[in-house]
Amino acid sequence: MSTTSVRIIRNFTFAAAVGAVLISAAGCSAPGGTSSSAPVSAAAAAAAAPGKPATDSGPATTDVQIAAHSNGAGVPTTITVTAVPQIRAKVPKAVLDRGKLIIGEGALPAGFPPLSYVGDDQQTLTGSEPDLGRLIAAVLGLQPEINNATWDNLFVGIDSGKTDVGISNITDTEKRKEKYDFASYRQDNLGFEVLKSNPWQFADNYQNLAGKTVAVGAGTNQEKILLEWQAKLKAAGKTLDIKYYPSNAAVYLALDSGKIDAYFGPNPGIAYHVTQDATTSTPTRNAGKFSGAGVTLQGLIAATTKKGNGLAQPVADAINHLIKNGQYAKWLAAYNLSNEAVTSSLVNPPGLPLTNS
């Protein structure tokens, strides 16, 4: 999970996510995890059901069901993907021979919508991360097998080679590059959530926080950033009041009642809450984003492979194919994450520096 979001986004509860333990384990599961390749339900299998098999007349096509059983966290969308032989040819032979791309998620025990969690059928692993895995597998002409594990066991699976690629909101860091290769696919952003009736915008300028009261999670990277801005404003004779609350529920009660002007937290969690709050009497909106890596570097979320296993480049190529053909934009829009779009997937781009990893 992103280093900026691990402490806060896991606070988002999702009743259906407790069904994660119901997914049957399969032989290729990451240690301590479960696998969605087991025969859990027709709906789960249909999340990446093959459309037209490969024939002499052309590559296989796959209808990927985006936001299946998302319980309102995403907009159900079908994206049709055709396998690309030129990209598939770059996939290591052992993976091609297996016919499956084994994708790791770190969503146990409770999941973290809208990124990765068990859907409202209590079986389908849904969310932006497993759905991107399904799209990548379709470009590579492979069947996706999605293993759900704890955060720590996600990396155990990658390290052991039982998991081909982790797609689970993993931040690209220089420290992690000592063991892993990356293919970037989303910006790692923080966001400001305000009431929809509030016209305030962050507008990429911390000085717009002068005179505001903002909630943030204690001990998080976003708190560190906010405290730095508070010090700069104080030096200029301006104020920024920072508030702390014991839970996200308490944060949103404070926001609804006007006790705070904004909440500064992980952008995906805010995207999820905005969709869940849309029909209430106090709807909210995202009033601006900021890189989770700070002012000098745009943080990136990346597909993560064991260093040197040969998958980072074809995964990046698959993502770039999805970007070029518009499927990537549809995937992000389905989960209200369009403000985290990248223009291209890069292999091992600059990551969070060692001093901040």
Protein backbone atom coordinates (compact mmCIF):
# COMPACT_ATOMS: atom_id res chain seq x y z
CA MET A 1 0.00 0.00 0.00
CA SER A 2 1.13 3.51 -0.55
CA THR A 3 3.29 4.82 2.28
CA THR A 4 1.11 7.92 2.43
CA SER A 5 -2.11 6.03 2.82
CA VAL A 6 -1.50 2.87 4.79
CA ARG A 7 -2.48 4.32 8.14
CA ILE A 8 -5.67 6.07 7.05
CA ILE A 9 -7.18 4.15 4.19
CA ARG A 10 -7.39 0.96 6.20
CA ASN A 11 -9.74 2.79 8.56
CA PHE A 12 -12.41 2.76 5.88
CA THR A 13 -14.73 -0.04 6.93
CA PHE A 14 -16.70 -1.97 4.40
CA ALA A 15 -19.18 -4.48 5.67
CA ALA A 16 -18.97 -6.79 2.71
CA ALA A 17 -15.20 -7.02 2.96
CA VAL A 18 -15.39 -9.45 5.83
CA GLY A 19 -16.30 -12.02 3.25
CA ALA A 20 -12.65 -12.11 2.18
CA VAL A 21 -12.09 -15.12 4.34
CA LEU A 22 -14.68 -17.00 2.32
CA ILE A 23 -12.58 -17.12 -0.82
CA SER A 24 -11.26 -20.65 -1.25
CA ALA A 25 -7.50 -21.10 -1.15
CA ALA A 26 -5.76 -22.43 -4.25
CA GLY A 27 -2.44 -24.11 -4.72
CA CYS A 28 -0.78 -20.97 -6.08
CA SER A 29 -1.96 -18.67 -3.32
CA ALA A 30 0.53 -16.35 -1.67
CA PRO A 31 1.34 -17.53 1.85
CA GLY A 32 -1.40 -16.50 4.22
CA GLY A 33 -3.70 -15.55 1.34
CA THR A 34 -6.54 -16.72 -0.83
CA SER A 35 -6.98 -17.08 -4.54
CA SER A 36 -9.81 -15.92 -6.74
CA SER A 37 -8.94 -18.61 -9.29
CA ALA A 38 -10.75 -21.12 -7.08
CA PRO A 39 -14.35 -21.96 -8.14
CA VAL A 40 -16.02 -19.36 -5.91
CA SER A 41 -18.96 -18.29 -8.08
CA ALA A 42 -20.03 -17.67 -11.64
CA ALA A 43 -20.01 -13.94 -10.95
CA ALA A 44 -16.43 -14.02 -9.70
CA ALA A 45 -15.27 -15.97 -12.72
CA ALA A 46 -17.15 -13.60 -15.04
CA ALA A 47 -15.08 -10.65 -13.81
CA ALA A 48 -12.60 -11.52 -16.53
CA ALA A 49 -14.44 -14.02 -18.69
CA PRO A 50 -12.86 -14.66 -22.07
CA GLY A 51 -14.89 -13.35 -24.97
CA LYS A 52 -13.43 -14.82 -28.16
CA PRO A 53 -10.62 -17.38 -27.86
CA ALA A 54 -7.48 -17.05 -29.89
CA THR A 55 -7.88 -18.45 -33.39
CA ASP A 56 -6.03 -18.35 -36.68
CA SER A 57 -8.08 -15.27 -37.53
CA GLY A 58 -6.70 -13.17 -34.67
CA PRO A 59 -5.82 -12.74 -31.00
CA ALA A 60 -8.18 -13.48 -28.13
CA THR A 61 -10.59 -10.86 -26.85
CA THR A 62 -11.75 -10.54 -23.25
CA ASP A 63 -14.73 -8.71 -21.78
CA VAL A 64 -13.44 -7.44 -18.43
CA GLN A 65 -16.17 -6.57 -15.95
CA ILE A 66 -15.02 -3.47 -14.07
CA ALA A 67 -16.46 -2.72 -10.60
CA ALA A 68 -18.37 -6.01 -10.47
CA HIS A 69 -20.22 -6.27 -7.13
CA SER A 70 -18.61 -2.98 -6.01
CA ASN A 71 -21.55 -2.02 -3.77
CA GLY A 72 -21.53 1.56 -5.05
CA ALA A 73 -17.78 2.14 -4.81
CA GLY A 74 -17.50 1.93 -8.59
CA VAL A 75 -19.66 2.21 -11.68
CA PRO A 76 -20.05 -1.23 -13.32
CA THR A 77 -18.44 -1.07 -16.75
CA THR A 78 -17.51 -3.64 -19.37
CA ILE A 79 -14.18 -3.07 -21.12
CA THR A 80 -13.34 -5.24 -24.10
CA VAL A 81 -9.64 -5.94 -24.53
CA THR A 82 -7.86 -7.70 -27.38
CA ALA A 83 -4.59 -9.47 -26.65
CA VAL A 84 -1.51 -7.90 -28.26
CA PRO A 85 0.88 -10.54 -29.66
CA GLN A 86 3.85 -8.15 -29.75
CA ILE A 87 3.52 -7.49 -26.01
CA ARG A 88 2.68 -11.09 -25.17
CA ALA A 89 5.93 -12.16 -26.87
CA LYS A 90 7.88 -10.30 -24.15
CA VAL A 91 6.33 -12.32 -21.32
CA PRO A 92 8.68 -14.93 -19.80
CA LYS A 93 8.16 -18.43 -21.22
CA ALA A 94 7.32 -19.95 -17.83
CA VAL A 95 4.37 -17.59 -17.45
CA LEU A 96 3.19 -18.19 -21.01
CA ASP A 97 3.40 -21.95 -20.54
CA ARG A 98 1.31 -21.67 -17.38
CA GLY A 99 -1.30 -19.59 -19.21
CA LYS A 100 -2.01 -17.50 -16.12
CA LEU A 101 -0.83 -14.20 -14.70
CA ILE A 102 -0.74 -14.60 -10.92
CA ILE A 103 -1.64 -11.22 -9.41
CA GLY A 104 -1.14 -10.39 -5.76
CA GLU A 105 -3.41 -8.24 -3.60
CA GLY A 106 -2.75 -7.18 -0.01
CA ALA A 107 -6.39 -6.64 0.95
CA LEU A 108 -6.79 -8.99 3.90
CA PRO A 109 -8.36 -8.87 6.38
CA ALA A 110 -10.85 -6.08 5.66
CA GLY A 111 -9.97 -4.61 2.28
CA PHE A 112 -9.77 -0.94 1.38
CA PRO A 113 -12.40 0.38 -1.05
CA PRO A 114 -12.27 1.56 -3.76
CA LEU A 115 -8.90 -0.12 -4.32
CA SER A 116 -9.31 -3.77 -3.32
CA TYR A 117 -11.99 -5.51 -1.30
CA VAL A 118 -14.53 -8.33 -1.38
CA GLY A 119 -17.71 -7.32 -3.18
CA ASP A 120 -21.32 -7.41 -2.11
CA ASP A 121 -21.67 -11.04 -3.23
CA GLN A 122 -19.19 -11.91 -0.45
CA GLN A 123 -16.92 -13.63 -2.98
CA THR A 124 -15.74 -11.44 -5.87
CA LEU A 125 -12.50 -9.57 -5.22
CA THR A 126 -13.30 -6.19 -6.72
CA GLY A 127 -11.77 -2.72 -6.77
CA SER A 128 -9.49 -0.70 -9.02
CA GLU A 129 -6.40 -2.82 -8.31
CA PRO A 130 -7.64 -6.34 -9.14
CA ASP A 131 -9.55 -4.90 -12.10
CA LEU A 132 -6.36 -3.39 -13.53
CA GLY A 133 -4.75 -6.80 -13.09
CA ARG A 134 -7.55 -8.34 -15.12
CA LEU A 135 -7.08 -5.74 -17.87
CA ILE A 136 -3.31 -6.31 -18.01
CA ALA A 137 -3.78 -10.08 -18.18
CA ALA A 138 -6.20 -9.61 -21.08
CA VAL A 139 -3.64 -7.56 -23.05
CA LEU A 140 -1.08 -10.32 -22.44
CA GLY A 141 -3.52 -13.03 -23.51
CA LEU A 142 -3.38 -14.68 -20.09
CA GLN A 143 -5.99 -15.79 -17.58
CA PRO A 144 -5.82 -13.69 -14.39
CA GLU A 145 -5.42 -15.53 -11.10
CA ILE A 146 -5.79 -13.12 -8.20
CA ASN A 147 -4.36 -14.04 -4.81
CA ASN A 148 -5.60 -12.05 -1.84
CA ALA A 149 -3.26 -11.91 1.17
CA THR A 150 -2.28 -9.68 4.05
CA TRP A 151 -0.03 -6.75 3.19
CA ASP A 152 3.08 -8.52 4.49
CA ASN A 153 2.25 -11.81 2.78
CA LEU A 154 1.71 -10.01 -0.51
CA PHE A 155 5.46 -9.36 -0.58
CA VAL A 156 6.25 -12.88 0.65
CA GLY A 157 4.39 -14.15 -2.42
CA ILE A 158 6.35 -11.87 -4.76
CA ASP A 159 9.66 -12.75 -3.10
CA SER A 160 9.00 -16.49 -3.38
CA GLY A 161 7.95 -16.30 -7.02
CA LYS A 162 4.47 -17.65 -6.27
CA THR A 163 3.05 -14.25 -7.24
CA ASP A 164 4.04 -12.78 -10.62
CA VAL A 165 3.06 -9.20 -9.95
CA GLY A 166 1.63 -7.23 -7.05
CA ILE A 167 -1.03 -4.69 -8.00
CA SER A 168 -2.14 -3.37 -4.65
CA ASN A 169 -1.56 0.38 -4.25
CA ILE A 170 2.20 -0.13 -3.82
CA THR A 171 4.26 3.06 -3.83
CA ASP A 172 7.40 3.16 -5.97
CA THR A 173 10.29 3.79 -3.55
CA GLU A 174 14.05 3.67 -3.97
CA LYS A 175 14.28 1.32 -1.00
CA ARG A 176 11.88 -1.18 -2.58
CA LYS A 177 13.85 -1.05 -5.83
CA GLU A 178 16.58 -3.01 -4.08
CA LYS A 179 14.28 -6.06 -4.34
CA TYR A 180 11.60 -5.21 -6.89
CA ASP A 181 10.97 -3.80 -10.36
CA PHE A 182 8.11 -1.38 -10.97
CA ALA A 183 5.70 -0.45 -13.75
CA SER A 184 3.87 2.73 -12.75
CA TYR A 185 0.12 3.09 -13.31
CA ARG A 186 -1.31 5.75 -10.96
CA GLN A 187 -0.22 8.90 -9.22
CA ASP A 188 0.22 8.53 -5.47
CA ASN A 189 -1.84 11.48 -4.29
CA LEU A 190 -3.29 13.00 -1.18
CA GLY A 191 -6.50 15.00 -1.38
CA PHE A 192 -8.57 17.63 0.38
CA GLU A 193 -12.19 16.72 1.02
CA VAL A 194 -14.69 19.51 1.69
CA LEU A 195 -18.45 19.86 1.71
CA LYS A 196 -19.80 20.22 -1.82
CA SER A 197 -21.34 23.53 -0.79
CA ASN A 198 -17.88 24.91 0.08
CA PRO A 199 -16.27 26.69 -2.93
CA TRP A 200 -12.73 26.54 -1.48
CA GLN A 201 -9.97 25.03 -3.64
CA PHE A 202 -6.44 24.03 -2.65
CA ALA A 203 -5.25 25.00 -6.15
CA ASP A 204 -1.74 23.56 -5.61
CA ASN A 205 -0.92 26.33 -3.14
CA TYR A 206 -0.52 25.73 0.59
CA GLN A 207 -1.10 29.45 1.22
CA ASN A 208 -4.77 28.86 0.43
CA LEU A 209 -4.91 26.97 3.75
CA ALA A 210 -4.43 30.19 5.72
CA GLY A 211 -7.20 30.63 8.27
CA LYS A 212 -8.58 27.10 7.70
CA THR A 213 -9.19 24.24 10.10
CA VAL A 214 -8.07 20.90 8.63
CA ALA A 215 -8.30 17.35 9.99
CA VAL A 216 -5.50 14.87 9.39
CA GLY A 217 -4.48 11.45 10.68
CA ALA A 218 -1.80 11.44 13.37
CA GLY A 219 1.52 9.85 12.47
CA THR A 220 0.89 9.89 8.73
CA ASN A 221 2.94 11.37 5.90
CA GLN A 222 0.12 13.82 5.23
CA GLU A 223 0.37 15.07 8.81
CA LYS A 224 4.09 15.72 8.26
CA ILE A 225 3.31 17.74 5.13
CA LEU A 226 0.53 19.68 6.84
CA LEU A 227 2.75 20.54 9.82
CA GLU A 228 5.39 21.90 7.43
CA TRP A 229 2.79 24.13 5.80
CA GLN A 230 1.54 25.25 9.21
CA ALA A 231 5.08 26.33 10.17
CA LYS A 232 5.49 28.30 6.93
CA LEU A 233 2.15 30.05 7.40
CA LYS A 234 2.98 30.85 11.03
CA ALA A 235 6.27 32.43 9.92
CA ALA A 236 4.21 34.64 7.60
CA GLY A 237 1.88 35.64 10.43
CA LYS A 238 -0.97 33.39 9.28
CA THR A 239 -2.77 30.49 10.95
CA LEU A 240 -3.63 26.91 10.07
CA ASP A 241 -5.51 24.96 12.71
CA ILE A 242 -4.90 21.19 12.63
CA LYS A 243 -7.40 18.81 14.23
CA TYR A 244 -7.12 15.11 15.06
CA TYR A 245 -9.97 12.61 15.45
CA PRO A 246 -10.03 8.97 16.58
CA SER A 247 -11.79 7.64 13.47
CA ASN A 248 -12.90 8.58 9.98
CA ALA A 249 -16.49 8.59 11.21
CA ALA A 250 -15.55 11.32 13.68
CA VAL A 251 -13.76 13.25 10.94
CA TYR A 252 -16.84 13.26 8.77
CA LEU A 253 -19.13 14.25 11.63
CA ALA A 254 -16.85 17.23 12.18
CA LEU A 255 -16.87 18.06 8.46
CA ASP A 256 -20.67 17.78 8.22
CA SER A 257 -21.17 20.01 11.26
CA GLY A 258 -18.74 22.70 10.12
CA LYS A 259 -16.19 22.11 12.89
CA ILE A 260 -13.50 21.64 10.25
CA ASP A 261 -13.14 23.11 6.77
CA ALA A 262 -11.43 20.14 5.16
CA TYR A 263 -9.99 16.68 5.65
CA PHE A 264 -6.49 16.01 4.25
CA GLY A 265 -6.07 12.31 3.50
CA PRO A 266 -5.35 9.65 0.87
CA ASN A 267 -6.95 10.55 -2.43
CA PRO A 268 -8.47 7.09 -3.14
CA GLY A 269 -10.20 7.04 0.24
CA ILE A 270 -11.62 10.47 -0.44
CA ALA A 271 -12.76 9.37 -3.92
CA TYR A 272 -14.61 6.47 -2.29
CA HIS A 273 -16.25 8.59 0.39
CA VAL A 274 -17.38 11.20 -2.15
CA THR A 275 -19.28 8.49 -4.07
CA GLN A 276 -20.80 7.08 -0.88
CA ASP A 277 -21.87 10.52 0.36
CA ALA A 278 -23.26 11.78 -2.95
CA THR A 279 -26.95 11.28 -2.14
CA THR A 280 -26.84 12.44 1.49
CA SER A 281 -27.86 15.84 2.81
CA THR A 282 -24.17 16.79 3.17
CA PRO A 283 -22.41 15.60 0.01
CA THR A 284 -18.67 16.20 -0.29
CA ARG A 285 -16.16 16.76 -3.08
CA ASN A 286 -12.44 16.69 -3.72
CA ALA A 287 -11.02 20.24 -3.50
CA GLY A 288 -7.54 19.48 -4.75
CA LYS A 289 -4.70 16.98 -4.67
CA PHE A 290 -1.04 16.95 -3.66
CA SER A 291 1.70 14.43 -4.37
CA GLY A 292 2.15 11.94 -1.56
CA ALA A 293 5.92 12.21 -2.14
CA GLY A 294 5.93 15.94 -1.41
CA VAL A 295 6.56 19.05 -3.43
CA THR A 296 9.73 17.87 -5.22
CA LEU A 297 8.50 14.56 -6.65
CA GLN A 298 5.24 13.16 -7.99
CA GLY A 299 4.68 9.93 -6.09
CA LEU A 300 3.71 6.93 -8.16
CA ILE A 301 1.81 3.70 -7.56
CA ALA A 302 3.26 0.79 -9.48
CA ALA A 303 2.79 -2.84 -10.41
CA THR A 304 5.52 -4.65 -8.50
CA THR A 305 7.51 -7.69 -9.64
CA LYS A 306 10.43 -9.62 -8.22
CA LYS A 307 13.58 -7.92 -9.43
CA GLY A 308 14.75 -9.34 -12.71
CA ASN A 309 11.81 -11.70 -13.33
CA GLY A 310 11.24 -10.17 -16.77
CA LEU A 311 7.64 -9.04 -16.25
CA ALA A 312 8.00 -5.32 -15.51
CA GLN A 313 8.47 -4.30 -19.15
CA PRO A 314 5.55 -6.30 -20.67
CA VAL A 315 3.31 -5.13 -17.80
CA ALA A 316 4.29 -1.51 -18.52
CA ASP A 317 3.70 -2.08 -22.24
CA ALA A 318 0.27 -3.53 -21.47
CA ILE A 319 -0.64 -0.50 -19.36
CA ASN A 320 0.56 1.85 -22.10
CA HIS A 321 -1.59 -0.06 -24.58
CA LEU A 322 -4.59 0.44 -22.30
CA ILE A 323 -3.76 4.16 -22.00
CA LYS A 324 -3.42 4.59 -25.77
CA ASN A 325 -6.70 2.83 -26.51
CA GLY A 326 -8.83 4.58 -23.88
CA GLN A 327 -9.50 1.55 -21.67
CA TYR A 328 -7.27 2.97 -18.91
CA ALA A 329 -9.32 6.17 -18.68
CA LYS A 330 -12.55 4.15 -18.45
CA TRP A 331 -11.06 2.03 -15.66
CA LEU A 332 -10.06 5.07 -13.60
CA ALA A 333 -13.39 6.84 -14.20
CA ALA A 334 -15.30 3.80 -12.97
CA TYR A 335 -13.71 4.29 -9.54
CA ASN A 336 -13.69 8.11 -9.47
CA LEU A 337 -9.89 8.09 -9.67
CA SER A 338 -9.36 10.09 -12.87
CA ASN A 339 -7.32 12.67 -10.95
CA GLU A 340 -4.62 10.02 -10.44
CA ALA A 341 -4.06 9.31 -14.14
CA VAL A 342 -0.55 9.02 -15.57
CA THR A 343 0.26 9.77 -19.20
CA SER A 344 2.42 6.65 -19.53
CA SER A 345 3.65 3.66 -17.57
CA LEU A 346 7.36 3.75 -16.81
CA VAL A 347 9.65 0.94 -15.70
CA ASN A 348 11.46 1.84 -12.48
CA PRO A 349 10.80 5.60 -12.55
CA PRO A 350 12.26 7.81 -9.78
CA GLY A 351 10.71 6.72 -6.50
CA LEU A 352 10.31 8.02 -2.99
CA PRO A 353 13.93 8.69 -1.89
CA LEU A 354 15.70 6.53 0.65
CA THR A 355 15.47 9.34 3.19
CA ASN A 356 11.65 9.19 2.98
CA SER A 357 11.00 5.51 2.20
